[in-house]
Amino acid sequence: MKVFVQLTNPVIKMFNKVTPSFLIKPLVPLYVAWFFYMFRFYVMPYLLGYSVMGMLSFPLESEIARSLSNLFNK
């Protein structure tokens, strides 16, 4: 647990400026995780050139699934 806290605390501290002050301390890691989720869900597909964006579209996961299917179906 100590190692996990030591690894994650610097990341959580980087988000101090955008974390609302009314947020209770136990919810701050969840708030920071939301930023990472939004980055993965919206920014990464855009940077990788996928044109499909929106709710329930996971282009990165479908690409991985397609690659695994091609690998095991040969």
PDB file of N, CA and C in Angstrom:
ATOM      1  N   MET A   1       0.816  -1.177   0.000  1.00  0.00           N
ATOM      2  CA  MET A   1       0.000   0.000   0.000  1.00  0.00           C
ATOM      3  C   MET A   1       0.871   1.257   0.000  1.00  0.00           C
ATOM      4  N   LYS A   2       1.965   1.215   0.757  1.00  0.00           N
ATOM      5  CA  LYS A   2       2.839   2.378   0.821  1.00  0.00           C
ATOM      6  C   LYS A   2       3.435   2.692  -0.546  1.00  0.00           C
ATOM      7  N   VAL A   3       3.809   1.661  -1.290  1.00  0.00           N
ATOM      8  CA  VAL A   3       4.384   1.867  -2.618  1.00  0.00           C
ATOM      9  C   VAL A   3       3.335   2.465  -3.552  1.00  0.00           C
ATOM     10  N   PHE A   4       2.118   1.954  -3.486  1.00  0.00           N
ATOM     11  CA  PHE A   4       1.039   2.473  -4.322  1.00  0.00           C
ATOM     12  C   PHE A   4       0.772   3.947  -4.024  1.00  0.00           C
ATOM     13  N   VAL A   5       0.717   4.287  -2.766  1.00  0.00           N
ATOM     14  CA  VAL A   5       0.476   5.681  -2.364  1.00  0.00           C
ATOM     15  C   VAL A   5       1.631   6.570  -2.814  1.00  0.00           C
ATOM     16  N   GLN A   6       2.855   6.087  -2.698  1.00  0.00           N
ATOM     17  CA  GLN A   6       4.013   6.876  -3.116  1.00  0.00           C
ATOM     18  C   GLN A   6       4.023   7.097  -4.630  1.00  0.00           C
ATOM     19  N   LEU A   7       3.499   6.143  -5.385  1.00  0.00           N
ATOM     20  CA  LEU A   7       3.451   6.283  -6.840  1.00  0.00           C
ATOM     21  C   LEU A   7       2.308   7.175  -7.306  1.00  0.00           C
ATOM     22  N   THR A   8       1.196   7.136  -6.610  1.00  0.00           N
ATOM     23  CA  THR A   8       0.023   7.880  -7.066  1.00  0.00           C
ATOM     24  C   THR A   8      -0.078   9.295  -6.500  1.00  0.00           C
ATOM     25  N   ASN A   9       0.490   9.541  -5.349  1.00  0.00           N
ATOM     26  CA  ASN A   9       0.393  10.885  -4.749  1.00  0.00           C
ATOM     27  C   ASN A   9       0.970  11.994  -5.631  1.00  0.00           C
ATOM     28  N   PRO A  10       2.116  11.794  -6.292  1.00  0.00           N
ATOM     29  CA  PRO A  10       2.606  12.872  -7.174  1.00  0.00           C
ATOM     30  C   PRO A  10       1.634  13.177  -8.325  1.00  0.00           C
ATOM     31  N   VAL A  11       0.974  12.169  -8.844  1.00  0.00           N
ATOM     32  CA  VAL A  11       0.011  12.382  -9.923  1.00  0.00           C
ATOM     33  C   VAL A  11      -1.190  13.158  -9.399  1.00  0.00           C
ATOM     34  N   ILE A  12      -1.667  12.794  -8.235  1.00  0.00           N
ATOM     35  CA  ILE A  12      -2.812  13.483  -7.643  1.00  0.00           C
ATOM     36  C   ILE A  12      -2.445  14.932  -7.317  1.00  0.00           C
ATOM     37  N   LYS A  13      -1.212  15.172  -6.863  1.00  0.00           N
ATOM     38  CA  LYS A  13      -0.784  16.534  -6.546  1.00  0.00           C
ATOM     39  C   LYS A  13      -0.687  17.395  -7.797  1.00  0.00           C
ATOM     40  N   MET A  14      -0.395  16.793  -8.960  1.00  0.00           N
ATOM     41  CA  MET A  14      -0.336  17.564 -10.206  1.00  0.00           C
ATOM     42  C   MET A  14      -1.699  18.144 -10.567  1.00  0.00           C
ATOM     43  N   PHE A  15      -2.770  17.502 -10.115  1.00  0.00           N
ATOM     44  CA  PHE A  15      -4.120  17.935 -10.434  1.00  0.00           C
ATOM     45  C   PHE A  15      -4.721  18.855  -9.369  1.00  0.00           C
ATOM     46  N   ASN A  16      -3.932  19.312  -8.409  1.00  0.00           N
ATOM     47  CA  ASN A  16      -4.439  20.182  -7.344  1.00  0.00           C
ATOM     48  C   ASN A  16      -5.068  21.461  -7.879  1.00  0.00           C
ATOM     49  N   LYS A  17      -4.517  22.011  -8.946  1.00  0.00           N
ATOM     50  CA  LYS A  17      -5.017  23.292  -9.471  1.00  0.00           C
ATOM     51  C   LYS A  17      -6.391  23.159 -10.117  1.00  0.00           C
ATOM     52  N   VAL A  18      -6.724  21.976 -10.632  1.00  0.00           N
ATOM     53  CA  VAL A  18      -8.019  21.805 -11.292  1.00  0.00           C
ATOM     54  C   VAL A  18      -9.018  21.048 -10.420  1.00  0.00           C
ATOM     55  N   THR A  19      -8.596  20.651  -9.233  1.00  0.00           N
ATOM     56  CA  THR A  19      -9.495  19.944  -8.317  1.00  0.00           C
ATOM     57  C   THR A  19     -10.302  20.955  -7.516  1.00  0.00           C
ATOM     58  N   PRO A  20     -11.631  20.858  -7.551  1.00  0.00           N
ATOM     59  CA  PRO A  20     -12.455  21.804  -6.783  1.00  0.00           C
ATOM     60  C   PRO A  20     -12.211  21.664  -5.280  1.00  0.00           C
ATOM     61  N   SER A  21     -12.261  22.771  -4.583  1.00  0.00           N
ATOM     62  CA  SER A  21     -11.990  22.754  -3.141  1.00  0.00           C
ATOM     63  C   SER A  21     -13.110  22.093  -2.338  1.00  0.00           C
ATOM     64  N   PHE A  22     -14.325  22.046  -2.903  1.00  0.00           N
ATOM     65  CA  PHE A  22     -15.435  21.445  -2.161  1.00  0.00           C
ATOM     66  C   PHE A  22     -15.414  19.919  -2.208  1.00  0.00           C
ATOM     67  N   LEU A  23     -14.545  19.345  -3.003  1.00  0.00           N
ATOM     68  CA  LEU A  23     -14.467  17.892  -3.130  1.00  0.00           C
ATOM     69  C   LEU A  23     -13.820  17.301  -1.888  1.00  0.00           C
ATOM     70  N   ILE A  24     -14.463  16.305  -1.294  1.00  0.00           N
ATOM     71  CA  ILE A  24     -13.889  15.696  -0.091  1.00  0.00           C
ATOM     72  C   ILE A  24     -12.669  14.863  -0.475  1.00  0.00           C
ATOM     73  N   LYS A  25     -11.737  14.774   0.439  1.00  0.00           N
ATOM     74  CA  LYS A  25     -10.431  14.154   0.170  1.00  0.00           C
ATOM     75  C   LYS A  25     -10.517  12.727  -0.377  1.00  0.00           C
ATOM     76  N   PRO A  26     -11.386  11.848   0.118  1.00  0.00           N
ATOM     77  CA  PRO A  26     -11.436  10.491  -0.438  1.00  0.00           C
ATOM     78  C   PRO A  26     -11.886  10.424  -1.900  1.00  0.00           C
ATOM     79  N   LEU A  27     -12.544  11.470  -2.405  1.00  0.00           N
ATOM     80  CA  LEU A  27     -13.015  11.461  -3.793  1.00  0.00           C
ATOM     81  C   LEU A  27     -12.012  12.064  -4.779  1.00  0.00           C
ATOM     82  N   VAL A  28     -10.942  12.656  -4.301  1.00  0.00           N
ATOM     83  CA  VAL A  28      -9.967  13.285  -5.190  1.00  0.00           C
ATOM     84  C   VAL A  28      -9.321  12.274  -6.143  1.00  0.00           C
ATOM     85  N   PRO A  29      -8.897  11.085  -5.701  1.00  0.00           N
ATOM     86  CA  PRO A  29      -8.340  10.117  -6.654  1.00  0.00           C
ATOM     87  C   PRO A  29      -9.337   9.705  -7.749  1.00  0.00           C
ATOM     88  N   LEU A  30     -10.594   9.605  -7.408  1.00  0.00           N
ATOM     89  CA  LEU A  30     -11.605   9.285  -8.398  1.00  0.00           C
ATOM     90  C   LEU A  30     -11.749  10.420  -9.405  1.00  0.00           C
ATOM     91  N   TYR A  31     -11.675  11.638  -8.939  1.00  0.00           N
ATOM     92  CA  TYR A  31     -11.744  12.809  -9.810  1.00  0.00           C
ATOM     93  C   TYR A  31     -10.558  12.824 -10.780  1.00  0.00           C
ATOM     94  N   VAL A  32      -9.370  12.513 -10.290  1.00  0.00           N
ATOM     95  CA  VAL A  32      -8.175  12.466 -11.140  1.00  0.00           C
ATOM     96  C   VAL A  32      -8.287  11.319 -12.141  1.00  0.00           C
ATOM     97  N   ALA A  33      -8.811  10.184 -11.703  1.00  0.00           N
ATOM     98  CA  ALA A  33      -8.995   9.047 -12.609  1.00  0.00           C
ATOM     99  C   ALA A  33      -9.964   9.397 -13.732  1.00  0.00           C
ATOM    100  N   TRP A  34     -10.935  10.235 -13.446  1.00  0.00           N
ATOM    101  CA  TRP A  34     -11.886  10.662 -14.471  1.00  0.00           C
ATOM    102  C   TRP A  34     -11.159  11.401 -15.595  1.00  0.00           C
ATOM    103  N   PHE A  35     -10.171  12.228 -15.253  1.00  0.00           N
ATOM    104  CA  PHE A  35      -9.388  12.913 -16.275  1.00  0.00           C
ATOM    105  C   PHE A  35      -8.654  11.924 -17.176  1.00  0.00           C
ATOM    106  N   PHE A  36      -8.078  10.894 -16.583  1.00  0.00           N
ATOM    107  CA  PHE A  36      -7.385   9.889 -17.386  1.00  0.00           C
ATOM    108  C   PHE A  36      -8.362   9.129 -18.282  1.00  0.00           C
ATOM    109  N   TYR A  37      -9.538   8.853 -17.766  1.00  0.00           N
ATOM    110  CA  TYR A  37     -10.554   8.175 -18.575  1.00  0.00           C
ATOM    111  C   TYR A  37     -10.969   9.054 -19.755  1.00  0.00           C
ATOM    112  N   MET A  38     -11.205  10.321 -19.495  1.00  0.00           N
ATOM    113  CA  MET A  38     -11.612  11.224 -20.573  1.00  0.00           C
ATOM    114  C   MET A  38     -10.500  11.369 -21.612  1.00  0.00           C
ATOM    115  N   PHE A  39      -9.265  11.397 -21.190  1.00  0.00           N
ATOM    116  CA  PHE A  39      -8.145  11.466 -22.113  1.00  0.00           C
ATOM    117  C   PHE A  39      -8.116  10.223 -22.989  1.00  0.00           C
ATOM    118  N   ARG A  40      -8.281   9.053 -22.382  1.00  0.00           N
ATOM    119  CA  ARG A  40      -8.241   7.807 -23.138  1.00  0.00           C
ATOM    120  C   ARG A  40      -9.440   7.688 -24.072  1.00  0.00           C
ATOM    121  N   PHE A  41     -10.569   8.164 -23.648  1.00  0.00           N
ATOM    122  CA  PHE A  41     -11.800   7.978 -24.411  1.00  0.00           C
ATOM    123  C   PHE A  41     -11.942   8.980 -25.546  1.00  0.00           C
ATOM    124  N   TYR A  42     -11.479  10.207 -25.379  1.00  0.00           N
ATOM    125  CA  TYR A  42     -11.672  11.232 -26.393  1.00  0.00           C
ATOM    126  C   TYR A  42     -10.380  11.669 -27.088  1.00  0.00           C
ATOM    127  N   VAL A  43      -9.313  11.897 -26.327  1.00  0.00           N
ATOM    128  CA  VAL A  43      -8.101  12.456 -26.927  1.00  0.00           C
ATOM    129  C   VAL A  43      -7.290  11.409 -27.678  1.00  0.00           C
ATOM    130  N   MET A  44      -7.083  10.246 -27.087  1.00  0.00           N
ATOM    131  CA  MET A  44      -6.272   9.222 -27.745  1.00  0.00           C
ATOM    132  C   MET A  44      -6.840   8.790 -29.096  1.00  0.00           C
ATOM    133  N   PRO A  45      -8.138   8.485 -29.219  1.00  0.00           N
ATOM    134  CA  PRO A  45      -8.646   8.133 -30.556  1.00  0.00           C
ATOM    135  C   PRO A  45      -8.460   9.272 -31.562  1.00  0.00           C
ATOM    136  N   TYR A  46      -8.628  10.507 -31.125  1.00  0.00           N
ATOM    137  CA  TYR A  46      -8.444  11.647 -32.021  1.00  0.00           C
ATOM    138  C   TYR A  46      -6.993  11.738 -32.483  1.00  0.00           C
ATOM    139  N   LEU A  47      -6.054  11.589 -31.557  1.00  0.00           N
ATOM    140  CA  LEU A  47      -4.640  11.667 -31.914  1.00  0.00           C
ATOM    141  C   LEU A  47      -4.203  10.514 -32.811  1.00  0.00           C
ATOM    142  N   LEU A  48      -4.846   9.360 -32.660  1.00  0.00           N
ATOM    143  CA  LEU A  48      -4.495   8.203 -33.477  1.00  0.00           C
ATOM    144  C   LEU A  48      -5.227   8.178 -34.811  1.00  0.00           C
ATOM    145  N   GLY A  49      -6.090   9.148 -35.046  1.00  0.00           N
ATOM    146  CA  GLY A  49      -6.712   9.286 -36.348  1.00  0.00           C
ATOM    147  C   GLY A  49      -8.027   8.564 -36.548  1.00  0.00           C
ATOM    148  N   TYR A  50      -8.681   8.148 -35.488  1.00  0.00           N
ATOM    149  CA  TYR A  50      -9.985   7.503 -35.628  1.00  0.00           C
ATOM    150  C   TYR A  50     -11.051   8.565 -35.852  1.00  0.00           C
ATOM    151  N   SER A  51     -11.970   8.295 -36.769  1.00  0.00           N
ATOM    152  CA  SER A  51     -12.994   9.287 -37.075  1.00  0.00           C
ATOM    153  C   SER A  51     -14.267   9.082 -36.262  1.00  0.00           C
ATOM    154  N   VAL A  52     -14.464   7.902 -35.704  1.00  0.00           N
ATOM    155  CA  VAL A  52     -15.674   7.613 -34.936  1.00  0.00           C
ATOM    156  C   VAL A  52     -15.446   8.049 -33.503  1.00  0.00           C
ATOM    157  N   MET A  53     -16.282   8.972 -33.036  1.00  0.00           N
ATOM    158  CA  MET A  53     -16.183   9.436 -31.657  1.00  0.00           C
ATOM    159  C   MET A  53     -17.572   9.442 -31.057  1.00  0.00           C
ATOM    160  N   GLY A  54     -17.654   9.270 -29.767  1.00  0.00           N
ATOM    161  CA  GLY A  54     -18.941   9.380 -29.115  1.00  0.00           C
ATOM    162  C   GLY A  54     -19.199   8.257 -28.136  1.00  0.00           C
ATOM    163  N   MET A  55     -20.413   8.257 -27.637  1.00  0.00           N
ATOM    164  CA  MET A  55     -20.820   7.300 -26.626  1.00  0.00           C
ATOM    165  C   MET A  55     -20.749   5.877 -27.169  1.00  0.00           C
ATOM    166  N   LEU A  56     -20.213   4.997 -26.377  1.00  0.00           N
ATOM    167  CA  LEU A  56     -20.114   3.567 -26.674  1.00  0.00           C
ATOM    168  C   LEU A  56     -19.251   3.267 -27.885  1.00  0.00           C
ATOM    169  N   SER A  57     -18.386   4.163 -28.282  1.00  0.00           N
ATOM    170  CA  SER A  57     -17.446   3.831 -29.353  1.00  0.00           C
ATOM    171  C   SER A  57     -16.067   3.712 -28.725  1.00  0.00           C
ATOM    172  N   PHE A  58     -15.533   2.540 -28.779  1.00  0.00           N
ATOM    173  CA  PHE A  58     -14.215   2.266 -28.223  1.00  0.00           C
ATOM    174  C   PHE A  58     -13.306   1.797 -29.345  1.00  0.00           C
ATOM    175  N   PRO A  59     -12.807   2.727 -30.157  1.00  0.00           N
ATOM    176  CA  PRO A  59     -12.016   2.310 -31.312  1.00  0.00           C
ATOM    177  C   PRO A  59     -10.720   1.606 -30.940  1.00  0.00           C
ATOM    178  N   LEU A  60     -10.095   1.997 -29.853  1.00  0.00           N
ATOM    179  CA  LEU A  60      -8.846   1.343 -29.466  1.00  0.00           C
ATOM    180  C   LEU A  60      -9.087  -0.111 -29.078  1.00  0.00           C
ATOM    181  N   GLU A  61     -10.163  -0.363 -28.347  1.00  0.00           N
ATOM    182  CA  GLU A  61     -10.467  -1.718 -27.930  1.00  0.00           C
ATOM    183  C   GLU A  61     -10.885  -2.575 -29.120  1.00  0.00           C
ATOM    184  N   SER A  62     -11.628  -2.006 -30.061  1.00  0.00           N
ATOM    185  CA  SER A  62     -12.032  -2.784 -31.228  1.00  0.00           C
ATOM    186  C   SER A  62     -10.824  -3.114 -32.096  1.00  0.00           C
ATOM    187  N   GLU A  63      -9.855  -2.221 -32.160  1.00  0.00           N
ATOM    188  CA  GLU A  63      -8.614  -2.492 -32.897  1.00  0.00           C
ATOM    189  C   GLU A  63      -7.841  -3.646 -32.259  1.00  0.00           C
ATOM    190  N   ILE A  64      -7.755  -3.651 -30.942  1.00  0.00           N
ATOM    191  CA  ILE A  64      -7.071  -4.738 -30.233  1.00  0.00           C
ATOM    192  C   ILE A  64      -7.816  -6.049 -30.434  1.00  0.00           C
ATOM    193  N   ALA A  65      -9.135  -6.017 -30.331  1.00  0.00           N
ATOM    194  CA  ALA A  65      -9.928  -7.229 -30.523  1.00  0.00           C
ATOM    195  C   ALA A  65      -9.774  -7.763 -31.947  1.00  0.00           C
ATOM    196  N   ARG A  66      -9.749  -6.877 -32.927  1.00  0.00           N
ATOM    197  CA  ARG A  66      -9.576  -7.298 -34.324  1.00  0.00           C
ATOM    198  C   ARG A  66      -8.203  -7.939 -34.516  1.00  0.00           C
ATOM    199  N   SER A  67      -7.166  -7.357 -33.915  1.00  0.00           N
ATOM    200  CA  SER A  67      -5.814  -7.904 -34.040  1.00  0.00           C
ATOM    201  C   SER A  67      -5.722  -9.277 -33.383  1.00  0.00           C
ATOM    202  N   LEU A  68      -6.306  -9.423 -32.210  1.00  0.00           N
ATOM    203  CA  LEU A  68      -6.303 -10.724 -31.536  1.00  0.00           C
ATOM    204  C   LEU A  68      -7.084 -11.760 -32.325  1.00  0.00           C
ATOM    205  N   SER A  69      -8.201 -11.349 -32.901  1.00  0.00           N
ATOM    206  CA  SER A  69      -8.988 -12.267 -33.718  1.00  0.00           C
ATOM    207  C   SER A  69      -8.199 -12.726 -34.937  1.00  0.00           C
ATOM    208  N   ASN A  70      -7.511 -11.800 -35.582  1.00  0.00           N
ATOM    209  CA  ASN A  70      -6.695 -12.176 -36.739  1.00  0.00           C
ATOM    210  C   ASN A  70      -5.545 -13.077 -36.346  1.00  0.00           C
ATOM    211  N   LEU A  71      -4.977 -12.838 -35.179  1.00  0.00           N
ATOM    212  CA  LEU A  71      -3.849 -13.643 -34.707  1.00  0.00           C
ATOM    213  C   LEU A  71      -4.265 -15.078 -34.419  1.00  0.00           C
ATOM    214  N   PHE A  72      -5.409 -15.262 -33.757  1.00  0.00           N
ATOM    215  CA  PHE A  72      -5.822 -16.605 -33.336  1.00  0.00           C
ATOM    216  C   PHE A  72      -6.644 -17.344 -34.380  1.00  0.00           C
ATOM    217  N   ASN A  73      -7.158 -16.657 -35.383  1.00  0.00           N
ATOM    218  CA  ASN A  73      -7.968 -17.324 -36.406  1.00  0.00           C
ATOM    219  C   ASN A  73      -7.160 -17.740 -37.627  1.00  0.00           C
ATOM    220  N   LYS A  74      -5.854 -17.536 -37.597  1.00  0.00           N
ATOM    221  CA  LYS A  74      -5.013 -17.935 -38.731  1.00  0.00           C
ATOM    222  C   LYS A  74      -4.605 -19.367 -38.628  1.00  0.00           C
TER     223      LYS A  74
END
